[in-house]
Amino acid sequence: MAKGYWLAQVDVTDPQAYTVYVAANQIAFRKYGARYVIRAGRHEAVEGACRSRLVVIEFPDYATALACYRSPEYQHAITLRQGYAIADIAVVEGYDGAQP
């Protein structure tokens, strides 16, 4: 079964206040078996544009990734992020087929 992923691009406007959101999102992430694949590491936009932080979070499957985003725990965390960061988040299903 293919994994599920959150692909997030984030611009943090208040790093200190953002830590409250990060602490809150960990509750949902633990509940839904999330694992950071990329967490705001070094990056370079080689085509197009991206925000200052790029994050990839892996879940056991696509349905779990969606359930985590829609969960009461994560919806609460979103309210703590508002006003302190701008985020673009996509939930995607991983590829589990043949490779080149």
N, C-alpha and C. Protein backbone atom coordinates (compact mmCIF):
# COMPACT_ATOMS: atom_id res chain seq x y z
N MET A 1 0.85 -1.18 0.00
CA MET A 1 0.00 0.00 0.00
C MET A 1 0.89 1.24 0.00
N ALA A 2 0.53 2.20 -0.82
CA ALA A 2 1.31 3.44 -0.93
C ALA A 2 1.15 4.29 0.32
N LYS A 3 2.20 4.94 0.68
CA LYS A 3 2.19 5.89 1.80
C LYS A 3 1.40 7.14 1.42
N GLY A 4 1.03 7.92 2.42
CA GLY A 4 0.43 9.22 2.21
C GLY A 4 1.40 10.28 2.69
N TYR A 5 1.36 11.46 2.10
CA TYR A 5 2.29 12.53 2.44
C TYR A 5 1.59 13.87 2.53
N TRP A 6 2.09 14.68 3.41
CA TRP A 6 1.77 16.11 3.39
C TRP A 6 2.97 16.79 2.78
N LEU A 7 2.73 17.65 1.80
CA LEU A 7 3.77 18.49 1.23
C LEU A 7 3.42 19.91 1.65
N ALA A 8 4.25 20.51 2.46
CA ALA A 8 3.93 21.83 3.01
C ALA A 8 5.04 22.83 2.68
N GLN A 9 4.61 24.02 2.30
CA GLN A 9 5.51 25.15 2.14
C GLN A 9 5.03 26.21 3.10
N VAL A 10 5.94 26.74 3.90
CA VAL A 10 5.55 27.63 4.99
C VAL A 10 6.48 28.84 5.05
N ASP A 11 5.89 30.00 5.25
CA ASP A 11 6.62 31.21 5.61
C ASP A 11 6.20 31.56 7.03
N VAL A 12 7.13 31.53 7.95
CA VAL A 12 6.86 31.84 9.35
C VAL A 12 7.12 33.33 9.58
N THR A 13 6.13 34.02 10.11
CA THR A 13 6.27 35.46 10.36
C THR A 13 6.62 35.78 11.81
N ASP A 14 6.36 34.84 12.71
CA ASP A 14 6.69 35.02 14.13
C ASP A 14 7.20 33.69 14.68
N PRO A 15 8.51 33.45 14.61
CA PRO A 15 9.07 32.17 15.01
C PRO A 15 8.73 31.76 16.45
N GLN A 16 8.70 32.69 17.36
CA GLN A 16 8.40 32.35 18.76
C GLN A 16 6.96 31.87 18.89
N ALA A 17 6.00 32.57 18.31
CA ALA A 17 4.60 32.17 18.38
C ALA A 17 4.38 30.85 17.62
N TYR A 18 5.14 30.62 16.56
CA TYR A 18 5.01 29.42 15.74
C TYR A 18 5.32 28.16 16.55
N THR A 19 6.16 28.27 17.56
CA THR A 19 6.50 27.10 18.37
C THR A 19 5.27 26.53 19.08
N VAL A 20 4.28 27.37 19.38
CA VAL A 20 3.05 26.88 20.01
C VAL A 20 2.30 25.98 19.03
N TYR A 21 2.24 26.38 17.76
CA TYR A 21 1.62 25.56 16.72
C TYR A 21 2.37 24.24 16.57
N VAL A 22 3.68 24.29 16.53
CA VAL A 22 4.48 23.08 16.36
C VAL A 22 4.22 22.09 17.50
N ALA A 23 4.15 22.58 18.72
CA ALA A 23 3.85 21.71 19.86
C ALA A 23 2.47 21.08 19.73
N ALA A 24 1.50 21.86 19.27
CA ALA A 24 0.14 21.35 19.12
C ALA A 24 0.01 20.35 17.98
N ASN A 25 0.72 20.59 16.88
CA ASN A 25 0.57 19.65 15.76
C ASN A 25 1.17 18.29 16.07
N GLN A 26 2.11 18.24 17.00
CA GLN A 26 2.72 16.96 17.37
C GLN A 26 1.69 16.00 17.96
N ILE A 27 0.66 16.51 18.60
CA ILE A 27 -0.39 15.66 19.16
C ILE A 27 -1.07 14.88 18.03
N ALA A 28 -1.46 15.58 16.98
CA ALA A 28 -2.10 14.92 15.83
C ALA A 28 -1.11 14.00 15.12
N PHE A 29 0.11 14.47 14.94
CA PHE A 29 1.09 13.66 14.21
C PHE A 29 1.36 12.33 14.92
N ARG A 30 1.49 12.36 16.24
CA ARG A 30 1.72 11.11 16.99
C ARG A 30 0.51 10.18 16.85
N LYS A 31 -0.69 10.74 16.96
CA LYS A 31 -1.92 9.95 16.89
C LYS A 31 -2.05 9.24 15.54
N TYR A 32 -1.61 9.88 14.46
CA TYR A 32 -1.80 9.33 13.12
C TYR A 32 -0.53 8.71 12.53
N GLY A 33 0.49 8.52 13.34
CA GLY A 33 1.70 7.82 12.88
C GLY A 33 2.54 8.59 11.89
N ALA A 34 2.56 9.91 12.01
CA ALA A 34 3.33 10.74 11.08
C ALA A 34 4.82 10.64 11.34
N ARG A 35 5.58 10.86 10.27
CA ARG A 35 7.05 10.85 10.36
C ARG A 35 7.57 11.93 9.42
N TYR A 36 8.43 12.80 9.97
CA TYR A 36 9.04 13.83 9.12
C TYR A 36 10.02 13.18 8.15
N VAL A 37 9.90 13.50 6.88
CA VAL A 37 10.85 13.09 5.86
C VAL A 37 11.79 14.26 5.58
N ILE A 38 11.20 15.45 5.46
CA ILE A 38 11.96 16.69 5.30
C ILE A 38 11.34 17.70 6.26
N ARG A 39 12.18 18.37 7.03
CA ARG A 39 11.67 19.36 7.97
C ARG A 39 12.53 20.62 7.88
N ALA A 40 12.13 21.51 6.99
CA ALA A 40 12.76 22.82 6.88
C ALA A 40 14.26 22.75 6.64
N GLY A 41 14.68 21.77 5.87
CA GLY A 41 16.09 21.66 5.57
C GLY A 41 16.54 22.67 4.53
N ARG A 42 17.79 22.62 4.22
CA ARG A 42 18.37 23.49 3.21
C ARG A 42 17.74 23.17 1.86
N HIS A 43 17.40 24.19 1.08
CA HIS A 43 16.80 23.96 -0.22
C HIS A 43 17.06 25.13 -1.16
N GLU A 44 16.87 24.85 -2.44
CA GLU A 44 17.05 25.86 -3.47
C GLU A 44 15.96 25.67 -4.52
N ALA A 45 15.22 26.70 -4.82
CA ALA A 45 14.20 26.63 -5.87
C ALA A 45 14.92 26.65 -7.22
N VAL A 46 14.92 25.53 -7.91
CA VAL A 46 15.60 25.46 -9.21
C VAL A 46 14.63 25.73 -10.36
N GLU A 47 13.34 25.68 -10.09
CA GLU A 47 12.30 26.07 -11.04
C GLU A 47 11.14 26.61 -10.22
N GLY A 48 10.55 27.69 -10.64
CA GLY A 48 9.43 28.26 -9.92
C GLY A 48 9.88 28.88 -8.61
N ALA A 49 8.94 28.93 -7.67
CA ALA A 49 9.20 29.55 -6.37
C ALA A 49 8.74 28.64 -5.26
N CYS A 50 9.30 28.85 -4.09
CA CYS A 50 8.84 28.11 -2.92
C CYS A 50 8.95 29.02 -1.70
N ARG A 51 8.26 28.64 -0.66
CA ARG A 51 8.31 29.40 0.59
C ARG A 51 9.60 29.08 1.33
N SER A 52 9.82 29.77 2.43
CA SER A 52 11.10 29.65 3.15
C SER A 52 11.30 28.30 3.83
N ARG A 53 10.22 27.60 4.17
CA ARG A 53 10.34 26.27 4.77
C ARG A 53 9.59 25.26 3.92
N LEU A 54 10.23 24.15 3.68
CA LEU A 54 9.60 23.03 2.99
C LEU A 54 9.56 21.85 3.95
N VAL A 55 8.41 21.22 4.05
CA VAL A 55 8.24 20.11 4.98
C VAL A 55 7.51 18.98 4.25
N VAL A 56 8.01 17.75 4.41
CA VAL A 56 7.33 16.56 3.90
C VAL A 56 7.11 15.65 5.10
N ILE A 57 5.85 15.27 5.30
CA ILE A 57 5.49 14.41 6.43
C ILE A 57 4.86 13.15 5.87
N GLU A 58 5.35 11.99 6.29
CA GLU A 58 4.88 10.71 5.79
C GLU A 58 3.89 10.08 6.75
N PHE A 59 2.86 9.46 6.18
CA PHE A 59 1.84 8.74 6.95
C PHE A 59 1.73 7.31 6.41
N PRO A 60 1.15 6.42 7.19
CA PRO A 60 1.04 5.03 6.73
C PRO A 60 0.34 4.88 5.37
N ASP A 61 -0.63 5.75 5.08
CA ASP A 61 -1.33 5.71 3.80
C ASP A 61 -2.04 7.05 3.57
N TYR A 62 -2.62 7.19 2.38
CA TYR A 62 -3.28 8.44 1.99
C TYR A 62 -4.46 8.76 2.90
N ALA A 63 -5.27 7.75 3.19
CA ALA A 63 -6.46 7.99 4.04
C ALA A 63 -6.05 8.50 5.42
N THR A 64 -4.99 7.97 5.96
CA THR A 64 -4.52 8.42 7.27
C THR A 64 -3.99 9.85 7.20
N ALA A 65 -3.31 10.18 6.11
CA ALA A 65 -2.81 11.55 5.94
C ALA A 65 -3.97 12.55 5.91
N LEU A 66 -5.04 12.20 5.18
CA LEU A 66 -6.21 13.07 5.14
C LEU A 66 -6.91 13.13 6.50
N ALA A 67 -7.02 11.99 7.16
CA ALA A 67 -7.68 11.95 8.46
C ALA A 67 -6.94 12.82 9.48
N CYS A 68 -5.64 12.81 9.43
CA CYS A 68 -4.86 13.64 10.34
C CYS A 68 -5.13 15.10 10.08
N TYR A 69 -5.10 15.51 8.80
CA TYR A 69 -5.36 16.91 8.49
C TYR A 69 -6.74 17.35 8.96
N ARG A 70 -7.71 16.50 8.79
CA ARG A 70 -9.10 16.83 9.13
C ARG A 70 -9.44 16.61 10.60
N SER A 71 -8.51 16.05 11.36
CA SER A 71 -8.77 15.71 12.77
C SER A 71 -9.00 16.94 13.63
N PRO A 72 -9.76 16.80 14.71
CA PRO A 72 -9.94 17.92 15.64
C PRO A 72 -8.61 18.41 16.20
N GLU A 73 -7.67 17.50 16.41
CA GLU A 73 -6.38 17.88 16.97
C GLU A 73 -5.62 18.80 16.02
N TYR A 74 -5.58 18.44 14.74
CA TYR A 74 -4.85 19.29 13.80
C TYR A 74 -5.62 20.56 13.48
N GLN A 75 -6.93 20.49 13.41
CA GLN A 75 -7.70 21.70 13.16
C GLN A 75 -7.48 22.73 14.27
N HIS A 76 -7.33 22.25 15.49
CA HIS A 76 -6.99 23.15 16.60
C HIS A 76 -5.60 23.76 16.38
N ALA A 77 -4.64 22.92 15.97
CA ALA A 77 -3.28 23.42 15.73
C ALA A 77 -3.29 24.53 14.67
N ILE A 78 -4.11 24.38 13.65
CA ILE A 78 -4.20 25.41 12.60
C ILE A 78 -4.57 26.75 13.20
N THR A 79 -5.49 26.76 14.15
CA THR A 79 -5.90 28.04 14.75
C THR A 79 -4.73 28.70 15.47
N LEU A 80 -3.79 27.91 15.97
CA LEU A 80 -2.61 28.45 16.66
C LEU A 80 -1.57 28.99 15.68
N ARG A 81 -1.62 28.52 14.44
CA ARG A 81 -0.68 28.97 13.40
C ARG A 81 -1.14 30.27 12.76
N GLN A 82 -2.44 30.50 12.74
CA GLN A 82 -2.99 31.67 12.05
C GLN A 82 -2.42 32.96 12.61
N GLY A 83 -1.98 33.81 11.69
CA GLY A 83 -1.38 35.08 12.07
C GLY A 83 0.12 35.01 12.29
N TYR A 84 0.67 33.79 12.34
CA TYR A 84 2.10 33.62 12.61
C TYR A 84 2.85 32.92 11.49
N ALA A 85 2.08 32.40 10.52
CA ALA A 85 2.70 31.71 9.39
C ALA A 85 1.69 31.61 8.25
N ILE A 86 2.21 31.55 7.04
CA ILE A 86 1.40 31.32 5.85
C ILE A 86 1.82 29.95 5.32
N ALA A 87 0.85 29.08 5.09
CA ALA A 87 1.19 27.72 4.67
C ALA A 87 0.38 27.30 3.46
N ASP A 88 1.04 26.56 2.59
CA ASP A 88 0.39 25.85 1.48
C ASP A 88 0.63 24.37 1.77
N ILE A 89 -0.44 23.59 1.89
CA ILE A 89 -0.30 22.18 2.22
C ILE A 89 -1.10 21.35 1.23
N ALA A 90 -0.47 20.34 0.67
CA ALA A 90 -1.14 19.37 -0.19
C ALA A 90 -1.00 18.00 0.43
N VAL A 91 -2.06 17.21 0.39
CA VAL A 91 -2.01 15.81 0.83
C VAL A 91 -1.96 14.97 -0.44
N VAL A 92 -0.95 14.11 -0.55
CA VAL A 92 -0.76 13.33 -1.76
C VAL A 92 -0.56 11.85 -1.43
N GLU A 93 -0.92 11.03 -2.39
CA GLU A 93 -0.68 9.60 -2.26
C GLU A 93 0.67 9.28 -2.89
N GLY A 94 1.47 8.51 -2.19
CA GLY A 94 2.77 8.13 -2.71
C GLY A 94 2.65 7.17 -3.87
N TYR A 95 3.73 6.96 -4.56
CA TYR A 95 3.79 6.06 -5.71
C TYR A 95 4.39 4.74 -5.24
N ASP A 96 3.72 3.66 -5.58
CA ASP A 96 4.15 2.35 -5.11
C ASP A 96 4.38 1.39 -6.28
N GLY A 97 4.58 1.94 -7.47
CA GLY A 97 4.71 1.11 -8.66
C GLY A 97 6.15 0.90 -9.10
N ALA A 98 6.30 0.48 -10.33
CA ALA A 98 7.61 0.20 -10.91
C ALA A 98 8.45 1.48 -10.97
N GLN A 99 9.73 1.29 -10.85
CA GLN A 99 10.69 2.41 -10.90
C GLN A 99 11.50 2.30 -12.19
N PRO A 100 12.06 3.44 -12.62
CA PRO A 100 12.87 3.40 -13.86
C PRO A 100 14.09 2.52 -13.73
